[in-house]
Amino acid sequence: WAIAINPARCADGVEFPGTSSGALSGMAPDPHDVLWGLAVAFGKWYEVWRAQGFPPIRDGWLARAAKLGTRIRARLANEETSGVFEGIDETGALILRESAARVRHIAAGDVFF
C-alpha cells in the first residue's frame, strides 16, 4: 500500500501534478492533525471490516470512486495498460475493461486518470 497526502506542498516536475491542502486553503494544516484524522478514519473502517467483512468497505469505496466508468491507465510491474475503470472486485482488485472481449483484474499498480 502507498498513500500520498500533501498537507503543505506537493512535488514539482512530476508526470501528473498534484495539489496540497495548503495550496487549496491558503494555509497548511498541522501534520499531527492530518495524521490523527487519517488514523481515526482508518480505525472506523477497520472496525467495519472486522464486524462485517469487506463488502461494506467495497461499497463505501465505490460510492466515492473518482472516474468510475472512464478510461484510465494502469502502470504495472512489467507493463502498462489502459481501459475503462469498471470498479473493484470482491478481493479489492481494480477491474479494467481493456477491450470488449477482455476484462482484467489488477491487484497492484499505479493508476492514472
PDB file of N, CA and C in Angstrom:
ATOM      1  N   TRP A   1       0.837  -1.174   0.000  1.00  0.00           N
ATOM      2  CA  TRP A   1       0.000   0.000   0.000  1.00  0.00           C
ATOM      3  C   TRP A   1       0.877   1.231   0.000  1.00  0.00           C
ATOM      4  N   ALA A   2       0.388   2.236  -0.669  1.00  0.00           N
ATOM      5  CA  ALA A   2       1.038   3.545  -0.625  1.00  0.00           C
ATOM      6  C   ALA A   2      -0.057   4.601  -0.608  1.00  0.00           C
ATOM      7  N   ILE A   3       0.182   5.629   0.131  1.00  0.00           N
ATOM      8  CA  ILE A   3      -0.759   6.727   0.186  1.00  0.00           C
ATOM      9  C   ILE A   3       0.051   8.009   0.224  1.00  0.00           C
ATOM     10  N   ALA A   4      -0.406   8.987  -0.501  1.00  0.00           N
ATOM     11  CA  ALA A   4       0.268  10.281  -0.505  1.00  0.00           C
ATOM     12  C   ALA A   4      -0.702  11.342  -0.016  1.00  0.00           C
ATOM     13  N   ILE A   5      -0.269  12.082   0.963  1.00  0.00           N
ATOM     14  CA  ILE A   5      -1.057  13.190   1.490  1.00  0.00           C
ATOM     15  C   ILE A   5      -0.176  14.423   1.408  1.00  0.00           C
ATOM     16  N   ASN A   6      -0.699  15.470   0.817  1.00  0.00           N
ATOM     17  CA  ASN A   6       0.066  16.696   0.622  1.00  0.00           C
ATOM     18  C   ASN A   6      -0.505  17.819   1.476  1.00  0.00           C
ATOM     19  N   PRO A   7      -0.182  17.844   2.781  1.00  0.00           N
ATOM     20  CA  PRO A   7      -0.759  18.902   3.607  1.00  0.00           C
ATOM     21  C   PRO A   7      -0.174  20.276   3.322  1.00  0.00           C
ATOM     22  N   ALA A   8       1.112  20.359   3.030  1.00  0.00           N
ATOM     23  CA  ALA A   8       1.757  21.663   2.862  1.00  0.00           C
ATOM     24  C   ALA A   8       2.067  21.990   1.404  1.00  0.00           C
ATOM     25  N   ARG A   9       2.692  21.074   0.709  1.00  0.00           N
ATOM     26  CA  ARG A   9       3.070  21.325  -0.687  1.00  0.00           C
ATOM     27  C   ARG A   9       3.189  19.994  -1.413  1.00  0.00           C
ATOM     28  N   CYS A  10       3.346  20.052  -2.726  1.00  0.00           N
ATOM     29  CA  CYS A  10       3.476  18.820  -3.499  1.00  0.00           C
ATOM     30  C   CYS A  10       4.690  18.912  -4.408  1.00  0.00           C
ATOM     31  N   ALA A  11       5.047  17.794  -4.985  1.00  0.00           N
ATOM     32  CA  ALA A  11       6.252  17.699  -5.813  1.00  0.00           C
ATOM     33  C   ALA A  11       6.090  18.458  -7.125  1.00  0.00           C
ATOM     34  N   ASP A  12       7.172  19.036  -7.573  1.00  0.00           N
ATOM     35  CA  ASP A  12       7.222  19.699  -8.875  1.00  0.00           C
ATOM     36  C   ASP A  12       7.821  18.748  -9.905  1.00  0.00           C
ATOM     37  N   GLY A  13       7.520  18.976 -11.166  1.00  0.00           N
ATOM     38  CA  GLY A  13       8.135  18.229 -12.253  1.00  0.00           C
ATOM     39  C   GLY A  13       7.733  16.775 -12.339  1.00  0.00           C
ATOM     40  N   VAL A  14       6.533  16.442 -11.898  1.00  0.00           N
ATOM     41  CA  VAL A  14       6.058  15.063 -11.981  1.00  0.00           C
ATOM     42  C   VAL A  14       5.097  14.916 -13.155  1.00  0.00           C
ATOM     43  N   GLU A  15       4.900  13.688 -13.598  1.00  0.00           N
ATOM     44  CA  GLU A  15       4.049  13.433 -14.771  1.00  0.00           C
ATOM     45  C   GLU A  15       2.632  13.958 -14.574  1.00  0.00           C
ATOM     46  N   PHE A  16       2.080  13.742 -13.387  1.00  0.00           N
ATOM     47  CA  PHE A  16       0.727  14.193 -13.084  1.00  0.00           C
ATOM     48  C   PHE A  16       0.792  15.099 -11.861  1.00  0.00           C
ATOM     49  N   PRO A  17       0.769  16.403 -12.062  1.00  0.00           N
ATOM     50  CA  PRO A  17       0.880  17.326 -10.928  1.00  0.00           C
ATOM     51  C   PRO A  17      -0.272  17.147  -9.948  1.00  0.00           C
ATOM     52  N   GLY A  18       0.026  17.362  -8.700  1.00  0.00           N
ATOM     53  CA  GLY A  18      -0.981  17.279  -7.658  1.00  0.00           C
ATOM     54  C   GLY A  18      -1.226  18.645  -7.064  1.00  0.00           C
ATOM     55  N   THR A  19      -1.877  18.661  -5.955  1.00  0.00           N
ATOM     56  CA  THR A  19      -2.084  19.889  -5.203  1.00  0.00           C
ATOM     57  C   THR A  19      -1.894  19.559  -3.734  1.00  0.00           C
ATOM     58  N   SER A  20      -2.082  20.526  -2.899  1.00  0.00           N
ATOM     59  CA  SER A  20      -1.930  20.310  -1.466  1.00  0.00           C
ATOM     60  C   SER A  20      -3.063  21.019  -0.734  1.00  0.00           C
ATOM     61  N   SER A  21      -3.303  20.591   0.480  1.00  0.00           N
ATOM     62  CA  SER A  21      -4.304  21.274   1.303  1.00  0.00           C
ATOM     63  C   SER A  21      -3.918  22.727   1.510  1.00  0.00           C
ATOM     64  N   GLY A  22      -2.609  22.978   1.685  1.00  0.00           N
ATOM     65  CA  GLY A  22      -2.129  24.343   1.857  1.00  0.00           C
ATOM     66  C   GLY A  22      -2.416  25.215   0.653  1.00  0.00           C
ATOM     67  N   ALA A  23      -2.212  24.678  -0.538  1.00  0.00           N
ATOM     68  CA  ALA A  23      -2.477  25.447  -1.755  1.00  0.00           C
ATOM     69  C   ALA A  23      -3.965  25.716  -1.922  1.00  0.00           C
ATOM     70  N   LEU A  24      -4.790  24.782  -1.525  1.00  0.00           N
ATOM     71  CA  LEU A  24      -6.232  24.939  -1.678  1.00  0.00           C
ATOM     72  C   LEU A  24      -6.848  25.885  -0.647  1.00  0.00           C
ATOM     73  N   SER A  25      -6.332  25.843   0.567  1.00  0.00           N
ATOM     74  CA  SER A  25      -6.945  26.627   1.643  1.00  0.00           C
ATOM     75  C   SER A  25      -6.172  27.893   1.997  1.00  0.00           C
ATOM     76  N   GLY A  26      -4.938  28.019   1.533  1.00  0.00           N
ATOM     77  CA  GLY A  26      -4.124  29.180   1.875  1.00  0.00           C
ATOM     78  C   GLY A  26      -3.244  28.972   3.086  1.00  0.00           C
ATOM     79  N   MET A  27      -3.457  27.875   3.811  1.00  0.00           N
ATOM     80  CA  MET A  27      -2.563  27.562   4.931  1.00  0.00           C
ATOM     81  C   MET A  27      -2.500  26.052   5.131  1.00  0.00           C
ATOM     82  N   ALA A  28      -1.298  25.577   5.396  1.00  0.00           N
ATOM     83  CA  ALA A  28      -1.090  24.138   5.554  1.00  0.00           C
ATOM     84  C   ALA A  28      -1.607  23.679   6.918  1.00  0.00           C
ATOM     85  N   PRO A  29      -2.329  22.554   6.951  1.00  0.00           N
ATOM     86  CA  PRO A  29      -2.779  22.030   8.238  1.00  0.00           C
ATOM     87  C   PRO A  29      -1.607  21.459   9.025  1.00  0.00           C
ATOM     88  N   ASP A  30      -1.781  21.358  10.309  1.00  0.00           N
ATOM     89  CA  ASP A  30      -0.766  20.762  11.165  1.00  0.00           C
ATOM     90  C   ASP A  30      -0.629  19.278  10.805  1.00  0.00           C
ATOM     91  N   PRO A  31       0.597  18.772  10.566  1.00  0.00           N
ATOM     92  CA  PRO A  31       0.769  17.355  10.201  1.00  0.00           C
ATOM     93  C   PRO A  31       0.196  16.386  11.235  1.00  0.00           C
ATOM     94  N   HIS A  32       0.267  16.745  12.508  1.00  0.00           N
ATOM     95  CA  HIS A  32      -0.295  15.872  13.543  1.00  0.00           C
ATOM     96  C   HIS A  32      -1.815  15.774  13.412  1.00  0.00           C
ATOM     97  N   ASP A  33      -2.463  16.883  13.074  1.00  0.00           N
ATOM     98  CA  ASP A  33      -3.915  16.872  12.875  1.00  0.00           C
ATOM     99  C   ASP A  33      -4.286  16.005  11.678  1.00  0.00           C
ATOM    100  N   VAL A  34      -3.495  16.099  10.614  1.00  0.00           N
ATOM    101  CA  VAL A  34      -3.741  15.286   9.420  1.00  0.00           C
ATOM    102  C   VAL A  34      -3.603  13.810   9.763  1.00  0.00           C
ATOM    103  N   LEU A  35      -2.523  13.461  10.431  1.00  0.00           N
ATOM    104  CA  LEU A  35      -2.289  12.068  10.796  1.00  0.00           C
ATOM    105  C   LEU A  35      -3.377  11.550  11.740  1.00  0.00           C
ATOM    106  N   TRP A  36      -3.785  12.370  12.695  1.00  0.00           N
ATOM    107  CA  TRP A  36      -4.841  11.971  13.626  1.00  0.00           C
ATOM    108  C   TRP A  36      -6.148  11.708  12.875  1.00  0.00           C
ATOM    109  N   GLY A  37      -6.522  12.613  11.977  1.00  0.00           N
ATOM    110  CA  GLY A  37      -7.744  12.424  11.200  1.00  0.00           C
ATOM    111  C   GLY A  37      -7.698  11.160  10.364  1.00  0.00           C
ATOM    112  N   LEU A  38      -6.540  10.897   9.766  1.00  0.00           N
ATOM    113  CA  LEU A  38      -6.377   9.679   8.974  1.00  0.00           C
ATOM    114  C   LEU A  38      -6.484   8.438   9.858  1.00  0.00           C
ATOM    115  N   ALA A  39      -5.853   8.466  11.021  1.00  0.00           N
ATOM    116  CA  ALA A  39      -5.908   7.320  11.944  1.00  0.00           C
ATOM    117  C   ALA A  39      -7.336   7.052  12.407  1.00  0.00           C
ATOM    118  N   VAL A  40      -8.083   8.107  12.708  1.00  0.00           N
ATOM    119  CA  VAL A  40      -9.479   7.941  13.139  1.00  0.00           C
ATOM    120  C   VAL A  40     -10.314   7.305  12.017  1.00  0.00           C
ATOM    121  N   ALA A  41     -10.128   7.799  10.791  1.00  0.00           N
ATOM    122  CA  ALA A  41     -10.883   7.250   9.653  1.00  0.00           C
ATOM    123  C   ALA A  41     -10.512   5.790   9.399  1.00  0.00           C
ATOM    124  N   PHE A  42      -9.223   5.476   9.432  1.00  0.00           N
ATOM    125  CA  PHE A  42      -8.803   4.084   9.252  1.00  0.00           C
ATOM    126  C   PHE A  42      -9.373   3.209  10.361  1.00  0.00           C
ATOM    127  N   GLY A  43      -9.356   3.714  11.596  1.00  0.00           N
ATOM    128  CA  GLY A  43      -9.907   2.942  12.712  1.00  0.00           C
ATOM    129  C   GLY A  43     -11.378   2.628  12.532  1.00  0.00           C
ATOM    130  N   LYS A  44     -12.134   3.615  12.061  1.00  0.00           N
ATOM    131  CA  LYS A  44     -13.570   3.416  11.817  1.00  0.00           C
ATOM    132  C   LYS A  44     -13.793   2.308  10.785  1.00  0.00           C
ATOM    133  N   TRP A  45     -13.083   2.406   9.657  1.00  0.00           N
ATOM    134  CA  TRP A  45     -13.265   1.414   8.603  1.00  0.00           C
ATOM    135  C   TRP A  45     -12.702   0.054   8.997  1.00  0.00           C
ATOM    136  N   TYR A  46     -11.675   0.022   9.837  1.00  0.00           N
ATOM    137  CA  TYR A  46     -11.148  -1.249  10.340  1.00  0.00           C
ATOM    138  C   TYR A  46     -12.205  -1.967  11.176  1.00  0.00           C
ATOM    139  N   GLU A  47     -12.904  -1.223  12.006  1.00  0.00           N
ATOM    140  CA  GLU A  47     -13.955  -1.825  12.823  1.00  0.00           C
ATOM    141  C   GLU A  47     -15.116  -2.325  11.959  1.00  0.00           C
ATOM    142  N   VAL A  48     -15.453  -1.595  10.906  1.00  0.00           N
ATOM    143  CA  VAL A  48     -16.476  -2.062   9.973  1.00  0.00           C
ATOM    144  C   VAL A  48     -16.032  -3.384   9.340  1.00  0.00           C
ATOM    145  N   TRP A  49     -14.776  -3.435   8.909  1.00  0.00           N
ATOM    146  CA  TRP A  49     -14.242  -4.647   8.283  1.00  0.00           C
ATOM    147  C   TRP A  49     -14.272  -5.830   9.252  1.00  0.00           C
ATOM    148  N   ARG A  50     -13.867  -5.583  10.491  1.00  0.00           N
ATOM    149  CA  ARG A  50     -13.864  -6.671  11.488  1.00  0.00           C
ATOM    150  C   ARG A  50     -15.272  -7.192  11.748  1.00  0.00           C
ATOM    151  N   ALA A  51     -16.236  -6.301  11.782  1.00  0.00           N
ATOM    152  CA  ALA A  51     -17.609  -6.699  12.114  1.00  0.00           C
ATOM    153  C   ALA A  51     -18.369  -7.266  10.910  1.00  0.00           C
ATOM    154  N   GLN A  52     -18.108  -6.727   9.707  1.00  0.00           N
ATOM    155  CA  GLN A  52     -18.947  -7.062   8.556  1.00  0.00           C
ATOM    156  C   GLN A  52     -18.187  -7.599   7.352  1.00  0.00           C
ATOM    157  N   GLY A  53     -16.874  -7.630   7.425  1.00  0.00           N
ATOM    158  CA  GLY A  53     -16.101  -8.118   6.300  1.00  0.00           C
ATOM    159  C   GLY A  53     -15.872  -7.029   5.250  1.00  0.00           C
ATOM    160  N   PHE A  54     -15.425  -7.428   4.080  1.00  0.00           N
ATOM    161  CA  PHE A  54     -15.032  -6.490   3.035  1.00  0.00           C
ATOM    162  C   PHE A  54     -16.186  -5.838   2.268  1.00  0.00           C
ATOM    163  N   PRO A  55     -17.355  -6.478   2.094  1.00  0.00           N
ATOM    164  CA  PRO A  55     -18.405  -5.870   1.260  1.00  0.00           C
ATOM    165  C   PRO A  55     -18.767  -4.420   1.600  1.00  0.00           C
ATOM    166  N   PRO A  56     -18.949  -4.015   2.866  1.00  0.00           N
ATOM    167  CA  PRO A  56     -19.270  -2.605   3.094  1.00  0.00           C
ATOM    168  C   PRO A  56     -18.085  -1.664   2.797  1.00  0.00           C
ATOM    169  N   ILE A  57     -16.878  -2.165   2.934  1.00  0.00           N
ATOM    170  CA  ILE A  57     -15.692  -1.366   2.584  1.00  0.00           C
ATOM    171  C   ILE A  57     -15.707  -1.115   1.080  1.00  0.00           C
ATOM    172  N   ARG A  58     -15.943  -2.167   0.330  1.00  0.00           N
ATOM    173  CA  ARG A  58     -16.007  -2.065  -1.132  1.00  0.00           C
ATOM    174  C   ARG A  58     -17.120  -1.103  -1.548  1.00  0.00           C
ATOM    175  N   ASP A  59     -18.284  -1.249  -0.952  1.00  0.00           N
ATOM    176  CA  ASP A  59     -19.413  -0.374  -1.294  1.00  0.00           C
ATOM    177  C   ASP A  59     -19.099   1.092  -0.991  1.00  0.00           C
ATOM    178  N   GLY A  60     -18.501   1.351   0.162  1.00  0.00           N
ATOM    179  CA  GLY A  60     -18.132   2.716   0.519  1.00  0.00           C
ATOM    180  C   GLY A  60     -17.085   3.285  -0.412  1.00  0.00           C
ATOM    181  N   TRP A  61     -16.124   2.461  -0.784  1.00  0.00           N
ATOM    182  CA  TRP A  61     -15.075   2.893  -1.702  1.00  0.00           C
ATOM    183  C   TRP A  61     -15.673   3.222  -3.071  1.00  0.00           C
ATOM    184  N   LEU A  62     -16.513   2.341  -3.583  1.00  0.00           N
ATOM    185  CA  LEU A  62     -17.116   2.573  -4.899  1.00  0.00           C
ATOM    186  C   LEU A  62     -18.019   3.807  -4.910  1.00  0.00           C
ATOM    187  N   ALA A  63     -18.685   4.077  -3.792  1.00  0.00           N
ATOM    188  CA  ALA A  63     -19.548   5.261  -3.717  1.00  0.00           C
ATOM    189  C   ALA A  63     -18.747   6.552  -3.845  1.00  0.00           C
ATOM    190  N   ARG A  64     -17.441   6.498  -3.533  1.00  0.00           N
ATOM    191  CA  ARG A  64     -16.590   7.682  -3.579  1.00  0.00           C
ATOM    192  C   ARG A  64     -15.546   7.629  -4.692  1.00  0.00           C
ATOM    193  N   ALA A  65     -15.553   6.584  -5.501  1.00  0.00           N
ATOM    194  CA  ALA A  65     -14.509   6.380  -6.515  1.00  0.00           C
ATOM    195  C   ALA A  65     -14.544   7.464  -7.588  1.00  0.00           C
ATOM    196  N   ALA A  66     -13.382   8.024  -7.855  1.00  0.00           N
ATOM    197  CA  ALA A  66     -13.252   9.019  -8.927  1.00  0.00           C
ATOM    198  C   ALA A  66     -13.087   8.299 -10.265  1.00  0.00           C
ATOM    199  N   LYS A  67     -13.700   8.851 -11.278  1.00  0.00           N
ATOM    200  CA  LYS A  67     -13.511   8.409 -12.676  1.00  0.00           C
ATOM    201  C   LYS A  67     -14.044   7.014 -12.970  1.00  0.00           C
ATOM    202  N   LEU A  68     -14.933   6.505 -12.159  1.00  0.00           N
ATOM    203  CA  LEU A  68     -15.563   5.219 -12.427  1.00  0.00           C
ATOM    204  C   LEU A  68     -16.284   5.306 -13.766  1.00  0.00           C
ATOM    205  N   GLY A  69     -16.066   4.314 -14.633  1.00  0.00           N
ATOM    206  CA  GLY A  69     -16.697   4.296 -15.946  1.00  0.00           C
ATOM    207  C   GLY A  69     -15.946   5.071 -17.011  1.00  0.00           C
ATOM    208  N   THR A  70     -14.780   5.611 -16.671  1.00  0.00           N
ATOM    209  CA  THR A  70     -13.986   6.359 -17.657  1.00  0.00           C
ATOM    210  C   THR A  70     -12.691   5.612 -17.966  1.00  0.00           C
ATOM    211  N   ARG A  71     -12.021   6.082 -18.985  1.00  0.00           N
ATOM    212  CA  ARG A  71     -10.762   5.468 -19.418  1.00  0.00           C
ATOM    213  C   ARG A  71      -9.628   5.888 -18.487  1.00  0.00           C
ATOM    214  N   ILE A  72      -8.841   4.901 -18.046  1.00  0.00           N
ATOM    215  CA  ILE A  72      -7.702   5.153 -17.172  1.00  0.00           C
ATOM    216  C   ILE A  72      -6.494   4.377 -17.692  1.00  0.00           C
ATOM    217  N   ARG A  73      -5.353   4.651 -17.087  1.00  0.00           N
ATOM    218  CA  ARG A  73      -4.118   3.947 -17.428  1.00  0.00           C
ATOM    219  C   ARG A  73      -3.564   3.334 -16.155  1.00  0.00           C
ATOM    220  N   ALA A  74      -3.094   2.093 -16.230  1.00  0.00           N
ATOM    221  CA  ALA A  74      -2.503   1.408 -15.081  1.00  0.00           C
ATOM    222  C   ALA A  74      -1.077   0.996 -15.423  1.00  0.00           C
ATOM    223  N   ARG A  75      -0.153   1.429 -14.581  1.00  0.00           N
ATOM    224  CA  ARG A  75       1.254   1.048 -14.737  1.00  0.00           C
ATOM    225  C   ARG A  75       1.533  -0.084 -13.766  1.00  0.00           C
ATOM    226  N   LEU A  76       1.842  -1.260 -14.313  1.00  0.00           N
ATOM    227  CA  LEU A  76       2.096  -2.447 -13.514  1.00  0.00           C
ATOM    228  C   LEU A  76       3.604  -2.687 -13.431  1.00  0.00           C
ATOM    229  N   ALA A  77       4.011  -3.742 -12.756  1.00  0.00           N
ATOM    230  CA  ALA A  77       5.436  -4.009 -12.556  1.00  0.00           C
ATOM    231  C   ALA A  77       6.200  -4.126 -13.876  1.00  0.00           C
ATOM    232  N   ASN A  78       5.617  -4.810 -14.876  1.00  0.00           N
ATOM    233  CA  ASN A  78       6.340  -5.075 -16.121  1.00  0.00           C
ATOM    234  C   ASN A  78       5.646  -4.571 -17.374  1.00  0.00           C
ATOM    235  N   GLU A  79       4.583  -3.806 -17.217  1.00  0.00           N
ATOM    236  CA  GLU A  79       3.855  -3.314 -18.382  1.00  0.00           C
ATOM    237  C   GLU A  79       2.940  -2.164 -18.000  1.00  0.00           C
ATOM    238  N   GLU A  80       2.367  -1.564 -19.004  1.00  0.00           N
ATOM    239  CA  GLU A  80       1.368  -0.533 -18.810  1.00  0.00           C
ATOM    240  C   GLU A  80       0.164  -0.908 -19.661  1.00  0.00           C
ATOM    241  N   THR A  81      -1.028  -0.674 -19.129  1.00  0.00           N
ATOM    242  CA  THR A  81      -2.238  -0.999 -19.856  1.00  0.00           C
ATOM    243  C   THR A  81      -3.261   0.111 -19.641  1.00  0.00           C
ATOM    244  N   SER A  82      -4.301   0.106 -20.441  1.00  0.00           N
ATOM    245  CA  SER A  82      -5.355   1.097 -20.266  1.00  0.00           C
ATOM    246  C   SER A  82      -6.692   0.464 -20.598  1.00  0.00           C
ATOM    247  N   GLY A  83      -7.728   1.113 -20.144  1.00  0.00           N
ATOM    248  CA  GLY A  83      -9.074   0.627 -20.399  1.00  0.00           C
ATOM    249  C   GLY A  83     -10.068   1.396 -19.557  1.00  0.00           C
ATOM    250  N   VAL A  84     -11.285   0.895 -19.507  1.00  0.00           N
ATOM    251  CA  VAL A  84     -12.356   1.550 -18.753  1.00  0.00           C
ATOM    252  C   VAL A  84     -12.352   1.000 -17.329  1.00  0.00           C
ATOM    253  N   PHE A  85     -12.337   1.901 -16.367  1.00  0.00           N
ATOM    254  CA  PHE A  85     -12.343   1.566 -14.951  1.00  0.00           C
ATOM    255  C   PHE A  85     -13.754   1.162 -14.563  1.00  0.00           C
ATOM    256  N   GLU A  86     -13.963  -0.135 -14.317  1.00  0.00           N
ATOM    257  CA  GLU A  86     -15.297  -0.650 -14.015  1.00  0.00           C
ATOM    258  C   GLU A  86     -15.570  -0.837 -12.526  1.00  0.00           C
ATOM    259  N   GLY A  87     -14.563  -0.695 -11.687  1.00  0.00           N
ATOM    260  CA  GLY A  87     -14.785  -0.831 -10.251  1.00  0.00           C
ATOM    261  C   GLY A  87     -13.694  -1.644  -9.597  1.00  0.00           C
ATOM    262  N   ILE A  88     -14.040  -2.230  -8.444  1.00  0.00           N
ATOM    263  CA  ILE A  88     -13.141  -3.163  -7.764  1.00  0.00           C
ATOM    264  C   ILE A  88     -13.931  -4.428  -7.465  1.00  0.00           C
ATOM    265  N   ASP A  89     -13.229  -5.553  -7.482  1.00  0.00           N
ATOM    266  CA  ASP A  89     -13.904  -6.823  -7.252  1.00  0.00           C
ATOM    267  C   ASP A  89     -13.956  -7.153  -5.760  1.00  0.00           C
ATOM    268  N   GLU A  90     -14.435  -8.360  -5.448  1.00  0.00           N
ATOM    269  CA  GLU A  90     -14.617  -8.763  -4.058  1.00  0.00           C
ATOM    270  C   GLU A  90     -13.309  -8.954  -3.301  1.00  0.00           C
ATOM    271  N   THR A  91     -12.169  -8.934  -3.997  1.00  0.00           N
ATOM    272  CA  THR A  91     -10.861  -9.025  -3.337  1.00  0.00           C
ATOM    273  C   THR A  91     -10.203  -7.651  -3.211  1.00  0.00           C
ATOM    274  N   GLY A  92     -10.794  -6.636  -3.826  1.00  0.00           N
ATOM    275  CA  GLY A  92     -10.210  -5.295  -3.827  1.00  0.00           C
ATOM    276  C   GLY A  92      -9.401  -4.985  -5.067  1.00  0.00           C
ATOM    277  N   ALA A  93      -9.305  -5.928  -6.008  1.00  0.00           N
ATOM    278  CA  ALA A  93      -8.559  -5.698  -7.246  1.00  0.00           C
ATOM    279  C   ALA A  93      -9.339  -4.767  -8.172  1.00  0.00           C
ATOM    280  N   LEU A  94      -8.619  -3.909  -8.861  1.00  0.00           N
ATOM    281  CA  LEU A  94      -9.217  -3.000  -9.832  1.00  0.00           C
ATOM    282  C   LEU A  94      -9.736  -3.790 -11.030  1.00  0.00           C
ATOM    283  N   ILE A  95     -10.930  -3.480 -11.495  1.00  0.00           N
ATOM    284  CA  ILE A  95     -11.497  -4.129 -12.674  1.00  0.00           C
ATOM    285  C   ILE A  95     -11.323  -3.168 -13.842  1.00  0.00           C
ATOM    286  N   LEU A  96     -10.565  -3.607 -14.844  1.00  0.00           N
ATOM    287  CA  LEU A  96     -10.244  -2.781 -16.001  1.00  0.00           C
ATOM    288  C   LEU A  96     -10.693  -3.491 -17.272  1.00  0.00           C
ATOM    289  N   ARG A  97     -11.611  -2.874 -18.016  1.00  0.00           N
ATOM    290  CA  ARG A  97     -12.042  -3.438 -19.296  1.00  0.00           C
ATOM    291  C   ARG A  97     -11.103  -2.909 -20.366  1.00  0.00           C
ATOM    292  N   GLU A  98     -10.192  -3.796 -20.819  1.00  0.00           N
ATOM    293  CA  GLU A  98      -9.206  -3.401 -21.828  1.00  0.00           C
ATOM    294  C   GLU A  98      -9.815  -3.377 -23.227  1.00  0.00           C
ATOM    295  N   SER A  99     -10.790  -4.253 -23.455  1.00  0.00           N
ATOM    296  CA  SER A  99     -11.494  -4.300 -24.734  1.00  0.00           C
ATOM    297  C   SER A  99     -12.843  -4.965 -24.489  1.00  0.00           C
ATOM    298  N   ALA A 100     -13.661  -5.051 -25.538  1.00  0.00           N
ATOM    299  CA  ALA A 100     -14.972  -5.689 -25.398  1.00  0.00           C
ATOM    300  C   ALA A 100     -14.835  -7.137 -24.942  1.00  0.00           C
ATOM    301  N   ALA A 101     -13.731  -7.774 -25.309  1.00  0.00           N
ATOM    302  CA  ALA A 101     -13.554  -9.186 -25.003  1.00  0.00           C
ATOM    303  C   ALA A 101     -12.624  -9.446 -23.815  1.00  0.00           C
ATOM    304  N   ARG A 102     -12.012  -8.419 -23.270  1.00  0.00           N
ATOM    305  CA  ARG A 102     -11.010  -8.655 -22.215  1.00  0.00           C
ATOM    306  C   ARG A 102     -11.216  -7.739 -21.012  1.00  0.00           C
ATOM    307  N   VAL A 103     -11.488  -8.380 -19.872  1.00  0.00           N
ATOM    308  CA  VAL A 103     -11.580  -7.683 -18.588  1.00  0.00           C
ATOM    309  C   VAL A 103     -10.438  -8.200 -17.726  1.00  0.00           C
ATOM    310  N   ARG A 104      -9.742  -7.278 -17.106  1.00  0.00           N
ATOM    311  CA  ARG A 104      -8.586  -7.643 -16.306  1.00  0.00           C
ATOM    312  C   ARG A 104      -8.777  -7.188 -14.862  1.00  0.00           C
ATOM    313  N   HIS A 105      -8.351  -8.024 -13.927  1.00  0.00           N
ATOM    314  CA  HIS A 105      -8.401  -7.701 -12.504  1.00  0.00           C
ATOM    315  C   HIS A 105      -6.968  -7.439 -12.055  1.00  0.00           C
ATOM    316  N   ILE A 106      -6.701  -6.226 -11.577  1.00  0.00           N
ATOM    317  CA  ILE A 106      -5.347  -5.797 -11.259  1.00  0.00           C
ATOM    318  C   ILE A 106      -5.228  -5.585  -9.758  1.00  0.00           C
ATOM    319  N   ALA A 107      -4.352  -6.377  -9.134  1.00  0.00           N
ATOM    320  CA  ALA A 107      -4.188  -6.323  -7.685  1.00  0.00           C
ATOM    321  C   ALA A 107      -3.272  -5.190  -7.238  1.00  0.00           C
ATOM    322  N   ALA A 108      -2.321  -4.787  -8.077  1.00  0.00           N
ATOM    323  CA  ALA A 108      -1.378  -3.734  -7.660  1.00  0.00           C
ATOM    324  C   ALA A 108      -0.848  -3.002  -8.879  1.00  0.00           C
ATOM    325  N   GLY A 109      -0.701  -1.706  -8.752  1.00  0.00           N
ATOM    326  CA  GLY A 109      -0.165  -0.889  -9.829  1.00  0.00           C
ATOM    327  C   GLY A 109      -0.416   0.580  -9.538  1.00  0.00           C
ATOM    328  N   ASP A 110       0.114   1.431 -10.367  1.00  0.00           N
ATOM    329  CA  ASP A 110      -0.127   2.871 -10.278  1.00  0.00           C
ATOM    330  C   ASP A 110      -1.204   3.219 -11.296  1.00  0.00           C
ATOM    331  N   VAL A 111      -2.213   3.936 -10.862  1.00  0.00           N
ATOM    332  CA  VAL A 111      -3.342   4.271 -11.728  1.00  0.00           C
ATOM    333  C   VAL A 111      -3.318   5.758 -12.022  1.00  0.00           C
ATOM    334  N   PHE A 112      -3.543   6.091 -13.309  1.00  0.00           N
ATOM    335  CA  PHE A 112      -3.537   7.475 -13.764  1.00  0.00           C
ATOM    336  C   PHE A 112      -4.825   7.764 -14.518  1.00  0.00           C
ATOM    337  N   PHE A 113      -5.408   8.930 -14.227  1.00  0.00           N
ATOM    338  CA  PHE A 113      -6.647   9.349 -14.876  1.00  0.00           C
ATOM    339  C   PHE A 113      -6.342  10.252 -16.043  1.00  0.00           C
TER     340      PHE A 113
END
